[in-house]
Every structure is written in structure tokens, then in C-alpha cells.
Amino acid sequence: MPSKRDIREQMQEFYERFDMDRGHAEHVADLCARIYRDLPHLHGLTKTCRPLVEMTGLLHDVAEAEGKKGHDLSGAARLRKTPIPFVPRGWKPLMAQAVALHSKRSDVKSFLSHLAEKKNPRLELAARLGAILRIADGLDHCRKQDTRIRAIVDDGKAVTIYLADSASAVENGRFALAKADLWNRLSPRPIRQIVVVRDKAPNTDLVRPRQPMRQAARAMLGRQFEQLASREYGLGYADDPEYVHEMRVAIRRMLVLIHAFDKDLGSAIRPIGKKIANLGRRLGDVRDSDAFLAYVQERLDQAPPAGRRVLVTVRNAQRRARREQYRQVMAAFAGAEYERLKTRLGRFLAAGAGGRRGRQGASREVTKALQRYLAEFFSHGRRLAKLSPKQQHQLRIDCKNLRYLADFFRGFYGTRLRGMIEELTEFQDLLGQVHDYYVYKDWLPQKAAAGSPKGRQAVQAQLDDLHRRREQALDLAGRMWKSLGKGRTRKHFERLIKN
């Protein structure tokens, strides 16, 4: 994908060709990006959707010059038939459907009936794009580009959008609220009000240092579950494997919270955690297939003709396995057991009781949990190369858990944990590449079914490539682990957490 700056420069041709209002288009795209950024647990779009969200905002008024009436449907038709070189082919139908929904006059009611009947993940993705676009377009109804979002607050019951004071803010806010109807039908939480603030913007933190730990942990757990549930529809959208990845990450984050604060949450969370972990394993199998397919496709794009046949065989075999894994995981999320889990977790989160330590302040308990996780992380010794593959994998898990926990509560520390989280992320990624070697080196021969000498030679070439990648990643990870394990670095991390 071209950069955001390059795309906006290429858009100039469209602004001139279709007599578009560039200021309005870019302002709406920025407002779309802000709503997308602040409500990831509700909009149900993956991180790969962000450029799609912005592009939809940039092109939503492609038929505005033809007149107000029907410009939504005219714009959708124009997007479908107009070549746009910097827009991926698969995006155009999604963008066109979202544009068809963006006007105040758009027939949202009929569309929702159609969506309920079809149960199509592409259609639902387009609907979620349209829901964001309707609100953002309403926030520049006066077309003066003077209305900006100060804060978006989700209080667990409804969402409030706070706008900076401007000449058009009140009118634009009123108009945008009227266009929140599609969002309110698709999202688990409605947009309750859009108000103008003249003073300090409200606090948007989900949890706060002096909050009882049981409340903070339940709030964080609920937010991650919403992150998971809002992406369920995307399991059927094979064009974007990020849905599976983000659902898996949400489950991992939930398990970190349960493990770190089980005594604050209470014993009732433990059997729920086991059910959540089972879902995570199913998603993990699919995610591993997606990652392996991406690796095979990369090698296929670079392979000489002699090696392509084996790689095509591997790719096709893995695609068949992946389809079956997707079928199983979709069945699991559509089944009665998952519905019971959602009900059980919902009741748990709504309950007021906590564990025996649940009344302690969140900042104190978070500090203790981070110190415990940091000690586990540094318990693996100084020499990474001396660890077995299983021990290296456990180190990666401990790194990931520490990183997730620090990320949850970075708001307690301001910007002080940013560098630590970035280092942990880099180290985790390197260990992930090392782990991939042990998985892929077993899968390649199994999927290749190479009986001829040339076939076996081609498989060996891929195994050699995997081994080179492992050695490079292990060397970099080893040096980084040595640096992280130095007393000075460890004490620095300990001071950050304690303070």
C-alpha cells in the first residue's frame, strides 16, 4: 500500500475530475480514523482495516457534485466502475457499500434487514465501515472543517463523543448523533450523546490507580472480551486473517489478566478461564496455518522454477487443512457451549463480588503483578543459546505476558513504560521467528509429499532457508537477551515498575 501522504497526493486527480470538496473529504477521513482508533473494542474492524477506513472517508463524496439527492447511491456506483490504481481490488465493493450508507437519506432500515437475512461477513464489514462514515460525515455537516473530537468516552453503558468548541460544533454534533443509527444497531454499545466541551477534556482511561483492583480487573477483562466478540463475524472473511489473530490476542490478554489477578477476581473466574483457553487453542491452530501459508507464499514468489512445484503442493495441502480448521473454529463460535460461556462471563463481569484481595487499590496490585512477571521473565538465565527449544518458547510466553500486562496499565505510568514495552515486543518477535522454525521444519516434509530426487532437493532447500532464518533470529535474540539481562537494564525495569 502507498503511504497516507502518497495516497492523498494521488487523490488530487479525483478531486478535480469529480469536482470534490478536498477539505471536507480529508477532514471526514481524519474523523473516521479517530473514531476507529478510540473504539477498537466496539467497531469490530482489524488493524489492517485502518487504511480502508480512511480511504472510504476520502472517497465518500465522489458524486456530491451531482446534487444532494441520491448522491450516496450514485457515489457507490461510481466507485464500483471507476479504476482507482491505488485502491486494492477487494476494497472497492466494501467502500461502495459503505458510501451507499453514508447519507442521512440512505435506506439504513432496508440494508439492516438485508444484512440480517444474508449473514455475510463482507456485508457486515462494509456496514461497520458505513457506520463510522455516517458519524464522521455528520461531524462536518456544515463543511467548515472546524469540528474536532476532543475525547471519546465509553462508560460501559454508552459512548459519548466530546467535541472541541467551534462555530459549527453544536450543529454538527446534533447532525452526527442523528446519523449514529447504524452504529447503534451494530455495536454492543450505542452512542448516547455528542456534546461540546469548553473546558478540559474528560478522562478517557478505562481504569484508574485508586480504583479497587477487582473493579479494574473486571473492566479490563470485559474490554478484551468485547474485542474478541466484536470480531466473530470476521471468522468467515478469509481475505483478512487478522480477524483470527486479533481474536487470539484478545484471548491471550484475557488469560494474562485472569492469571495475574485471579485472587482479586475471585475463584469463579478459574473455570471460565479454562473454557477461554480452549477457544484460544483452536484459534492458535488456525493462526499457525495462516502464518505458515504466508511463509510458503513468500518462498513461492521467490523460488526458481525447479522448486515451485513442491511449494505449490505444500501450499495447496495447507490450504485444505486451513479450510477444515476454519470450519471447526467457526462451528465452535457458533455453538451452544460458546453461548453459555458468553452468558457465564457476562454474569461474572456484572457481579459486584471479588476475591479476598479485591478491595486493594489497583496501583498497588498492578505493581506487585508486574514485579512478579518481571522476575519470571528474568528467571531463564543469561545464555539464550543454552536453552532448549521448549525453554526458549517458555521465555517467549513469559515475555509476551509481561508485555501485555505492562501495556494494560501503561496509563498508570504515563510514557515511562513505552521503551520497555517496545524492547519486549522486539524480543518477542525474534523468539517467534525462532519458534516458527521448529513448527515449519516438521510441516514442510509432511505437506510436500516429495518422492522424486528433485522434490526432496527442493524441500531441503526450503529447510535450509528456514535454518538460516532461525540462526539469524537466534543470534539477534541472543544479543538482545544478553543486553536485557544486564544488571543495569534489569534494575532500570524494576525502578520503572516500582515508581
Protein backbone atom coordinates (compact mmCIF):
# COMPACT_ATOMS: atom_id res chain seq x y z
CA MET A 1 0.00 0.00 0.00
CA PRO A 2 1.20 3.54 -0.75
CA SER A 3 1.75 5.80 2.24
CA LYS A 4 -1.02 8.03 3.56
CA ARG A 5 0.76 11.07 2.13
CA ASP A 6 1.19 9.48 -1.32
CA ILE A 7 -2.47 8.49 -1.45
CA ARG A 8 -3.65 11.99 -0.59
CA GLU A 9 -1.43 13.42 -3.32
CA GLN A 10 -2.85 10.95 -5.86
CA MET A 11 -6.34 11.90 -4.76
CA GLN A 12 -5.89 15.35 -6.34
CA GLU A 13 -6.83 13.91 -9.74
CA PHE A 14 -10.12 12.64 -8.32
CA TYR A 15 -10.88 15.91 -6.59
CA GLU A 16 -10.51 17.74 -9.89
CA ARG A 17 -12.12 15.08 -12.09
CA PHE A 18 -15.27 14.77 -9.98
CA ASP A 19 -15.34 18.30 -8.54
CA MET A 20 -14.93 17.05 -4.98
CA ASP A 21 -14.52 19.16 -1.84
CA ARG A 22 -10.99 18.20 -0.79
CA GLY A 23 -11.16 19.88 2.61
CA HIS A 24 -14.35 18.04 3.52
CA ALA A 25 -13.06 14.69 2.24
CA GLU A 26 -9.79 14.85 4.19
CA HIS A 27 -11.49 16.10 7.35
CA VAL A 28 -14.03 13.26 7.24
CA ALA A 29 -11.19 10.76 6.67
CA ASP A 30 -9.41 12.11 9.77
CA LEU A 31 -12.60 11.89 11.84
CA CYS A 32 -13.13 8.31 10.65
CA ALA A 33 -9.58 7.46 11.74
CA ARG A 34 -10.19 8.99 15.19
CA ILE A 35 -13.39 7.01 15.79
CA TYR A 36 -11.63 3.86 14.56
CA ARG A 37 -8.65 4.48 16.86
CA ASP A 38 -10.65 5.15 20.04
CA LEU A 39 -13.27 2.37 19.82
CA PRO A 40 -11.45 -0.79 18.65
CA HIS A 41 -13.42 -3.00 21.06
CA LEU A 42 -16.74 -1.87 19.57
CA HIS A 43 -16.27 -1.30 15.83
CA GLY A 44 -15.04 -4.86 15.19
CA LEU A 45 -12.51 -3.91 12.48
CA THR A 46 -8.96 -5.23 12.41
CA LYS A 47 -5.77 -3.16 12.32
CA THR A 48 -5.49 -3.94 8.59
CA CYS A 49 -8.76 -2.05 8.10
CA ARG A 50 -7.42 1.33 9.16
CA PRO A 51 -6.27 2.44 5.66
CA LEU A 52 -9.58 1.12 4.30
CA VAL A 53 -11.47 3.28 6.81
CA GLU A 54 -9.50 6.39 5.81
CA MET A 55 -9.79 5.68 2.08
CA THR A 56 -13.55 5.34 2.40
CA GLY A 57 -13.65 8.75 4.05
CA LEU A 58 -11.52 10.30 1.31
CA LEU A 59 -13.74 8.96 -1.49
CA HIS A 60 -17.19 9.09 0.11
CA ASP A 61 -18.29 12.26 -1.72
CA VAL A 62 -17.26 11.20 -5.23
CA ALA A 63 -20.77 12.01 -6.56
CA GLU A 64 -21.58 15.01 -4.36
CA ALA A 65 -21.30 17.47 -7.26
CA GLU A 66 -24.28 15.81 -8.93
CA GLY A 67 -26.60 17.01 -6.18
CA LYS A 68 -27.63 16.04 -2.69
CA LYS A 69 -30.43 13.67 -3.56
CA GLY A 70 -29.20 10.18 -4.31
CA HIS A 71 -25.51 11.06 -4.17
CA ASP A 72 -24.93 8.09 -1.84
CA LEU A 73 -26.10 5.52 -4.41
CA SER A 74 -24.55 7.45 -7.30
CA GLY A 75 -21.25 7.59 -5.43
CA ALA A 76 -21.36 3.85 -4.76
CA ALA A 77 -21.97 3.12 -8.44
CA ARG A 78 -19.14 5.43 -9.48
CA LEU A 79 -16.70 3.79 -7.10
CA ARG A 80 -17.54 0.36 -8.48
CA LYS A 81 -16.90 1.27 -12.11
CA THR A 82 -14.07 3.83 -11.82
CA PRO A 83 -10.49 2.46 -11.97
CA ILE A 84 -8.60 3.56 -8.85
CA PRO A 85 -4.99 2.35 -9.15
CA PHE A 86 -4.04 2.94 -5.51
CA VAL A 87 -7.05 1.04 -4.08
CA PRO A 88 -6.79 -2.78 -3.77
CA ARG A 89 -9.41 -4.56 -5.84
CA GLY A 90 -11.08 -6.21 -2.86
CA TRP A 91 -11.67 -2.86 -1.17
CA LYS A 92 -13.87 -1.28 -3.83
CA PRO A 93 -17.07 -3.28 -3.16
CA LEU A 94 -16.67 -2.66 0.58
CA MET A 95 -16.12 1.06 0.09
CA ALA A 96 -19.01 1.32 -2.36
CA GLN A 97 -21.42 -0.31 0.10
CA ALA A 98 -20.24 1.98 2.91
CA VAL A 99 -20.67 5.05 0.68
CA ALA A 100 -24.19 3.88 -0.19
CA LEU A 101 -24.97 4.13 3.54
CA HIS A 102 -23.33 7.44 4.45
CA SER A 103 -26.09 9.94 3.64
CA LYS A 104 -28.83 10.98 6.02
CA ARG A 105 -31.27 9.82 3.33
CA SER A 106 -29.67 6.38 2.93
CA ASP A 107 -32.05 3.48 3.48
CA VAL A 108 -30.42 2.05 6.58
CA LYS A 109 -33.51 0.11 7.65
CA SER A 110 -33.72 -1.92 4.42
CA PHE A 111 -29.98 -2.55 4.49
CA LEU A 112 -30.13 -3.93 8.04
CA SER A 113 -32.96 -6.29 7.05
CA HIS A 114 -30.85 -7.47 4.12
CA LEU A 115 -27.83 -7.95 6.40
CA ALA A 116 -29.85 -9.98 8.90
CA GLU A 117 -31.05 -12.23 6.10
CA LYS A 118 -27.70 -12.73 4.36
CA LYS A 119 -25.33 -13.10 7.36
CA ASN A 120 -22.45 -12.23 5.03
CA PRO A 121 -19.12 -11.19 6.65
CA ARG A 122 -18.20 -8.92 3.72
CA LEU A 123 -21.53 -7.16 4.01
CA GLU A 124 -21.11 -6.75 7.77
CA LEU A 125 -17.60 -5.37 7.31
CA ALA A 126 -18.99 -2.82 4.83
CA ALA A 127 -21.77 -1.97 7.30
CA ARG A 128 -19.24 -1.25 10.04
CA LEU A 129 -17.32 0.99 7.66
CA GLY A 130 -20.56 2.75 6.82
CA ALA A 131 -21.44 3.19 10.49
CA ILE A 132 -18.19 5.07 11.16
CA LEU A 133 -18.50 7.05 7.93
CA ARG A 134 -22.06 8.21 8.71
CA ILE A 135 -20.98 9.71 12.03
CA ALA A 136 -17.79 11.29 10.65
CA ASP A 137 -19.65 12.82 7.71
CA GLY A 138 -22.22 14.24 10.11
CA LEU A 139 -19.47 15.86 12.17
CA ASP A 140 -18.62 18.02 9.15
CA HIS A 141 -22.20 18.62 8.04
CA CYS A 142 -21.55 22.38 7.81
CA ARG A 143 -18.44 21.71 5.66
CA LYS A 144 -16.25 24.17 7.54
CA GLN A 145 -13.76 21.61 8.91
CA ASP A 146 -13.83 23.35 12.28
CA THR A 147 -15.25 20.49 14.34
CA ARG A 148 -12.76 18.24 16.07
CA ILE A 149 -13.06 15.38 18.54
CA ARG A 150 -11.57 16.09 21.97
CA ALA A 151 -12.34 12.72 23.55
CA ILE A 152 -14.45 9.59 23.15
CA VAL A 153 -15.60 8.01 26.41
CA ASP A 154 -17.12 4.55 26.80
CA ASP A 155 -18.52 4.27 30.33
CA GLY A 156 -19.63 0.66 29.91
CA LYS A 157 -23.24 1.62 29.21
CA ALA A 158 -22.95 4.02 26.28
CA VAL A 159 -20.44 6.09 24.31
CA THR A 160 -20.15 9.86 24.48
CA ILE A 161 -18.22 11.88 21.90
CA TYR A 162 -16.84 15.18 23.18
CA LEU A 163 -16.15 17.91 20.62
CA ALA A 164 -13.91 20.96 20.85
CA ASP A 165 -15.81 24.23 20.87
CA SER A 166 -16.25 25.85 17.46
CA ALA A 167 -18.83 27.80 15.49
CA SER A 168 -20.27 24.67 13.90
CA ALA A 169 -19.68 22.11 16.65
CA VAL A 170 -23.17 22.10 18.17
CA GLU A 171 -24.97 21.79 14.84
CA ASN A 172 -22.55 19.18 13.52
CA GLY A 173 -22.81 17.18 16.73
CA ARG A 174 -26.60 17.16 16.54
CA PHE A 175 -26.49 16.05 12.91
CA ALA A 176 -23.90 13.31 13.61
CA LEU A 177 -25.95 11.95 16.51
CA ALA A 178 -28.92 11.54 14.19
CA LYS A 179 -26.67 9.51 11.88
CA ALA A 180 -25.44 7.20 14.65
CA ASP A 181 -28.40 4.88 13.99
CA LEU A 182 -26.38 2.32 12.02
CA TRP A 183 -23.62 2.25 14.63
CA ASN A 184 -26.19 1.80 17.40
CA ARG A 185 -27.70 -1.23 15.65
CA LEU A 186 -24.35 -2.94 15.01
CA SER A 187 -22.35 -2.09 18.12
CA PRO A 188 -22.83 -3.61 21.59
CA ARG A 189 -22.82 -0.07 22.96
CA PRO A 190 -24.74 2.89 21.47
CA ILE A 191 -23.51 6.42 21.05
CA ARG A 192 -25.61 8.19 23.66
CA GLN A 193 -24.64 11.81 23.10
CA ILE A 194 -22.29 14.12 21.25
CA VAL A 195 -21.51 17.22 23.30
CA VAL A 196 -19.26 20.25 23.10
CA VAL A 197 -16.72 20.86 25.88
CA ARG A 198 -15.21 24.27 26.53
CA ASP A 199 -13.03 23.22 29.44
CA LYS A 200 -10.65 20.33 29.97
CA ALA A 201 -11.44 17.15 28.03
CA PRO A 202 -12.79 14.30 30.18
CA ASN A 203 -10.59 11.43 31.33
CA THR A 204 -10.82 8.50 28.88
CA ASP A 205 -8.90 5.96 31.00
CA LEU A 206 -10.74 2.68 31.42
CA VAL A 207 -9.18 2.04 34.85
CA ARG A 208 -7.52 4.32 37.40
CA PRO A 209 -4.80 3.81 40.00
CA ARG A 210 -7.02 4.27 43.08
CA GLN A 211 -9.82 2.07 41.77
CA PRO A 212 -10.35 -1.24 43.64
CA MET A 213 -8.42 -3.96 41.85
CA ARG A 214 -11.45 -6.19 41.39
CA GLN A 215 -13.25 -3.42 39.50
CA ALA A 216 -10.20 -2.60 37.39
CA ALA A 217 -9.55 -6.25 36.51
CA ARG A 218 -13.19 -6.86 35.58
CA ALA A 219 -13.23 -3.75 33.41
CA MET A 220 -10.08 -4.80 31.57
CA LEU A 221 -11.37 -8.35 31.19
CA GLY A 222 -14.67 -7.12 29.79
CA ARG A 223 -12.91 -4.83 27.32
CA GLN A 224 -10.84 -7.72 25.96
CA PHE A 225 -13.90 -9.93 25.68
CA GLU A 226 -15.62 -7.22 23.63
CA GLN A 227 -12.50 -7.08 21.45
CA LEU A 228 -13.00 -10.80 20.85
CA ALA A 229 -16.77 -10.85 20.38
CA SER A 230 -16.90 -7.86 18.04
CA ARG A 231 -14.71 -9.76 15.53
CA GLU A 232 -16.64 -13.04 15.49
CA TYR A 233 -18.29 -12.21 12.17
CA GLY A 234 -14.83 -11.92 10.56
CA LEU A 235 -14.08 -15.62 11.01
CA GLY A 236 -15.92 -16.11 7.74
CA TYR A 237 -13.90 -13.41 5.94
CA ALA A 238 -10.99 -15.38 4.53
CA ASP A 239 -9.42 -12.33 2.84
CA ASP A 240 -8.23 -10.97 6.20
CA PRO A 241 -6.57 -13.49 8.55
CA GLU A 242 -6.08 -10.65 11.03
CA TYR A 243 -9.54 -11.38 12.48
CA VAL A 244 -8.29 -14.73 13.78
CA HIS A 245 -5.06 -13.16 15.03
CA GLU A 246 -6.77 -10.33 16.92
CA MET A 247 -9.30 -12.72 18.46
CA ARG A 248 -6.45 -14.95 19.58
CA VAL A 249 -4.57 -11.99 21.06
CA ALA A 250 -7.71 -10.88 22.93
CA ILE A 251 -7.97 -14.35 24.48
CA ARG A 252 -4.30 -14.33 25.44
CA ARG A 253 -4.73 -10.96 27.08
CA MET A 254 -7.78 -12.21 28.97
CA LEU A 255 -5.78 -15.17 30.25
CA VAL A 256 -2.96 -12.89 31.42
CA LEU A 257 -5.47 -10.83 33.42
CA ILE A 258 -7.03 -13.95 34.92
CA HIS A 259 -3.64 -15.38 35.86
CA ALA A 260 -2.29 -12.11 37.26
CA PHE A 261 -5.36 -11.14 39.29
CA ASP A 262 -7.22 -14.39 39.98
CA LYS A 263 -7.26 -13.72 43.74
CA ASP A 264 -8.69 -10.26 43.13
CA LEU A 265 -11.26 -11.55 40.66
CA GLY A 266 -12.33 -14.50 42.80
CA SER A 267 -12.38 -18.26 42.32
CA ALA A 268 -15.40 -18.17 39.98
CA ILE A 269 -13.16 -16.93 37.15
CA ARG A 270 -10.98 -20.04 37.04
CA PRO A 271 -13.37 -22.47 35.29
CA ILE A 272 -14.30 -19.65 32.90
CA GLY A 273 -10.60 -19.17 32.17
CA LYS A 274 -10.24 -22.84 31.21
CA LYS A 275 -13.07 -22.53 28.67
CA ILE A 276 -11.49 -19.36 27.25
CA ALA A 277 -8.12 -21.14 26.96
CA ASN A 278 -9.73 -23.95 24.94
CA LEU A 279 -11.04 -21.40 22.44
CA GLY A 280 -7.60 -19.84 22.29
CA ARG A 281 -6.01 -23.16 21.32
CA ARG A 282 -8.47 -23.56 18.44
CA LEU A 283 -7.69 -20.06 17.19
CA GLY A 284 -3.97 -20.74 17.65
CA ASP A 285 -4.10 -23.68 15.26
CA VAL A 286 -5.72 -21.50 12.59
CA ARG A 287 -3.26 -18.67 13.18
CA ASP A 288 -0.30 -21.04 12.80
CA SER A 289 -1.74 -22.19 9.46
CA ASP A 290 -2.15 -18.61 8.29
CA ALA A 291 1.43 -17.76 9.23
CA PHE A 292 2.79 -20.89 7.54
CA LEU A 293 0.83 -20.12 4.37
CA ALA A 294 2.23 -16.59 4.33
CA TYR A 295 5.76 -18.02 4.60
CA VAL A 296 5.15 -20.56 1.81
CA GLN A 297 3.68 -17.87 -0.46
CA GLU A 298 6.70 -15.65 0.17
CA ARG A 299 9.04 -18.50 -0.79
CA LEU A 300 6.89 -19.35 -3.81
CA ASP A 301 7.18 -15.79 -5.10
CA GLN A 302 10.98 -16.06 -4.93
CA ALA A 303 11.53 -19.70 -5.90
CA PRO A 304 13.20 -20.83 -9.14
CA PRO A 305 11.03 -22.95 -11.48
CA ALA A 306 12.55 -26.19 -10.21
CA GLY A 307 11.35 -25.53 -6.67
CA ARG A 308 7.90 -24.16 -7.41
CA ARG A 309 6.09 -27.48 -7.88
CA VAL A 310 6.86 -28.70 -4.36
CA LEU A 311 5.90 -25.36 -2.83
CA VAL A 312 2.60 -25.34 -4.72
CA THR A 313 1.92 -28.83 -3.34
CA VAL A 314 2.72 -27.61 0.18
CA ARG A 315 0.54 -24.52 -0.22
CA ASN A 316 -2.44 -26.48 -1.53
CA ALA A 317 -2.17 -29.11 1.21
CA GLN A 318 -2.02 -26.41 3.89
CA ARG A 319 -4.95 -24.56 2.36
CA ARG A 320 -7.04 -27.72 2.65
CA ALA A 321 -6.00 -28.15 6.28
CA ARG A 322 -6.73 -24.47 6.95
CA ARG A 323 -10.25 -24.72 5.50
CA GLU A 324 -11.01 -27.57 7.86
CA GLN A 325 -9.56 -25.66 10.82
CA TYR A 326 -11.66 -22.61 9.94
CA ARG A 327 -14.75 -24.79 9.66
CA GLN A 328 -14.12 -26.21 13.12
CA VAL A 329 -13.39 -22.87 14.77
CA MET A 330 -16.47 -21.25 13.18
CA ALA A 331 -18.58 -24.14 14.44
CA ALA A 332 -17.11 -23.67 17.94
CA PHE A 333 -18.00 -19.97 17.99
CA ALA A 334 -21.47 -20.68 16.64
CA GLY A 335 -22.17 -23.48 19.12
CA ALA A 336 -24.19 -23.64 22.31
CA GLU A 337 -21.11 -24.04 24.51
CA TYR A 338 -19.73 -20.68 23.42
CA GLU A 339 -23.11 -19.05 24.02
CA ARG A 340 -23.12 -20.48 27.54
CA LEU A 341 -19.59 -19.18 28.07
CA LYS A 342 -20.63 -15.68 26.99
CA THR A 343 -23.61 -15.76 29.34
CA ARG A 344 -21.50 -17.04 32.21
CA LEU A 345 -18.77 -14.47 31.67
CA GLY A 346 -21.33 -11.69 31.30
CA ARG A 347 -22.85 -12.58 34.66
CA PHE A 348 -19.44 -12.74 36.26
CA LEU A 349 -18.45 -9.31 34.94
CA ALA A 350 -21.74 -7.79 36.07
CA ALA A 351 -21.45 -9.20 39.59
CA GLY A 352 -20.02 -6.96 42.30
CA ALA A 353 -18.20 -9.57 44.36
CA GLY A 354 -14.46 -10.04 44.12
CA GLY A 355 -11.72 -12.09 45.68
CA ARG A 356 -10.26 -11.69 49.14
CA ARG A 357 -7.83 -9.01 47.90
CA GLY A 358 -10.30 -7.33 45.56
CA ARG A 359 -10.66 -4.14 47.60
CA GLN A 360 -6.96 -3.24 47.39
CA GLY A 361 -6.07 -0.27 45.21
CA ALA A 362 -5.26 -1.12 41.60
CA SER A 363 -1.88 0.66 41.52
CA ARG A 364 -0.52 -1.43 44.40
CA GLU A 365 -1.72 -4.75 42.94
CA VAL A 366 -0.54 -3.87 39.43
CA THR A 367 2.94 -3.04 40.73
CA LYS A 368 3.14 -6.38 42.56
CA ALA A 369 1.93 -8.30 39.50
CA LEU A 370 4.42 -6.57 37.20
CA GLN A 371 7.26 -7.28 39.63
CA ARG A 372 6.25 -10.96 39.73
CA TYR A 373 6.08 -11.21 35.93
CA LEU A 374 9.40 -9.41 35.55
CA ALA A 375 11.05 -11.93 37.89
CA GLU A 376 9.60 -14.82 35.86
CA PHE A 377 10.91 -13.24 32.68
CA PHE A 378 14.46 -12.94 34.03
CA SER A 379 14.45 -16.41 35.60
CA HIS A 380 15.69 -18.14 32.42
CA GLY A 381 19.41 -17.38 32.78
CA ARG A 382 21.70 -15.22 30.66
CA ARG A 383 22.55 -17.58 27.75
CA LEU A 384 19.69 -17.93 25.29
CA ALA A 385 21.51 -20.45 23.08
CA LYS A 386 21.83 -22.85 26.03
CA LEU A 387 18.06 -23.05 26.46
CA SER A 388 16.20 -25.92 24.82
CA PRO A 389 13.54 -25.08 22.18
CA LYS A 390 10.88 -25.70 24.84
CA GLN A 391 12.60 -23.34 27.27
CA GLN A 392 13.02 -20.69 24.56
CA HIS A 393 9.32 -20.97 23.82
CA GLN A 394 8.50 -20.54 27.52
CA LEU A 395 10.73 -17.47 27.63
CA ARG A 396 8.76 -16.06 24.70
CA ILE A 397 5.50 -16.69 26.57
CA ASP A 398 6.83 -15.00 29.72
CA CYS A 399 8.00 -12.06 27.61
CA LYS A 400 4.59 -11.76 25.98
CA ASN A 401 2.76 -11.96 29.31
CA LEU A 402 4.94 -9.22 30.82
CA ARG A 403 4.45 -7.06 27.76
CA TYR A 404 0.66 -7.49 27.79
CA LEU A 405 0.43 -6.69 31.49
CA ALA A 406 2.61 -3.58 31.10
CA ASP A 407 0.54 -2.49 28.11
CA PHE A 408 -2.72 -2.86 30.05
CA PHE A 409 -1.62 -0.43 32.72
CA ARG A 410 0.73 1.89 30.87
CA GLY A 411 -1.73 4.69 31.68
CA PHE A 412 -0.71 4.39 35.34
CA TYR A 413 2.88 5.23 34.37
CA GLY A 414 2.42 7.86 31.67
CA THR A 415 5.06 7.44 28.96
CA ARG A 416 7.63 5.75 31.21
CA LEU A 417 6.89 2.15 30.18
CA ARG A 418 6.91 2.84 26.44
CA GLY A 419 10.57 1.97 25.89
CA MET A 420 10.29 -1.20 27.96
CA ILE A 421 7.23 -2.36 26.01
CA GLU A 422 8.96 -1.67 22.69
CA GLU A 423 12.01 -3.72 23.71
CA LEU A 424 9.83 -6.60 24.89
CA THR A 425 7.88 -6.54 21.63
CA GLU A 426 11.06 -6.70 19.54
CA PHE A 427 12.47 -9.54 21.63
CA GLN A 428 9.19 -11.46 21.46
CA ASP A 429 9.09 -11.14 17.66
CA LEU A 430 12.62 -12.55 17.35
CA LEU A 431 11.76 -15.50 19.56
CA GLY A 432 8.63 -16.01 17.45
CA GLN A 433 10.80 -16.42 14.35
CA VAL A 434 12.91 -18.97 16.20
CA HIS A 435 9.80 -20.91 17.25
CA ASP A 436 8.42 -20.86 13.69
CA TYR A 437 11.44 -22.86 12.56
CA TYR A 438 10.58 -25.82 14.79
CA VAL A 439 6.96 -25.80 13.60
CA TYR A 440 7.63 -25.32 9.89
CA LYS A 441 10.52 -27.82 9.63
CA ASP A 442 8.06 -30.58 10.58
CA TRP A 443 5.23 -29.30 8.38
CA LEU A 444 7.22 -28.86 5.16
CA PRO A 445 8.14 -32.52 4.56
CA GLN A 446 4.68 -33.67 5.67
CA LYS A 447 2.87 -31.37 3.23
CA ALA A 448 5.32 -31.74 0.34
CA ALA A 449 4.84 -35.45 -0.41
CA ALA A 450 8.04 -35.23 -2.47
CA GLY A 451 9.07 -38.66 -3.70
CA SER A 452 11.44 -37.74 -6.54
CA PRO A 453 15.09 -36.68 -6.03
CA LYS A 454 14.25 -33.19 -7.36
CA GLY A 455 11.33 -32.95 -4.96
CA ARG A 456 13.43 -33.94 -1.99
CA GLN A 457 16.09 -31.47 -3.09
CA ALA A 458 13.51 -28.67 -3.26
CA VAL A 459 12.23 -29.50 0.23
CA GLN A 460 15.78 -29.49 1.56
CA ALA A 461 16.35 -26.04 0.02
CA GLN A 462 13.36 -24.70 1.99
CA LEU A 463 14.58 -26.37 5.17
CA ASP A 464 17.98 -24.76 4.66
CA ASP A 465 16.26 -21.37 4.28
CA LEU A 466 14.32 -21.96 7.50
CA HIS A 467 17.53 -22.90 9.30
CA ARG A 468 19.25 -19.70 8.11
CA ARG A 469 16.33 -17.61 9.31
CA ARG A 470 16.38 -19.36 12.67
CA GLU A 471 20.12 -18.79 13.11
CA GLN A 472 19.81 -15.10 12.26
CA ALA A 473 16.85 -14.59 14.60
CA LEU A 474 18.51 -16.59 17.38
CA ASP A 475 21.73 -14.57 17.07
CA LEU A 476 19.85 -11.26 17.29
CA ALA A 477 17.66 -12.51 20.11
CA GLY A 478 20.69 -13.83 22.00
CA ARG A 479 22.44 -10.49 21.86
CA MET A 480 19.28 -8.69 22.90
CA TRP A 481 18.67 -11.12 25.77
CA LYS A 482 22.21 -10.59 26.99
CA SER A 483 21.65 -6.83 26.94
CA LEU A 484 18.28 -7.10 28.68
CA GLY A 485 19.72 -9.37 31.35
CA LYS A 486 22.44 -6.94 32.39
CA GLY A 487 22.02 -5.80 35.96
CA ARG A 488 21.70 -2.18 34.94
CA THR A 489 18.86 -2.87 32.48
CA ARG A 490 17.01 -5.14 34.87
CA LYS A 491 17.28 -2.62 37.70
CA HIS A 492 16.03 0.07 35.32
CA PHE A 493 12.93 -2.03 34.56
CA GLU A 494 12.42 -2.70 38.27
CA ARG A 495 12.61 1.02 39.07
CA LEU A 496 10.14 1.84 36.31
CA ILE A 497 7.62 -0.64 37.68
CA LYS A 498 8.11 0.31 41.34
CA ASN A 499 7.65 4.00 40.62
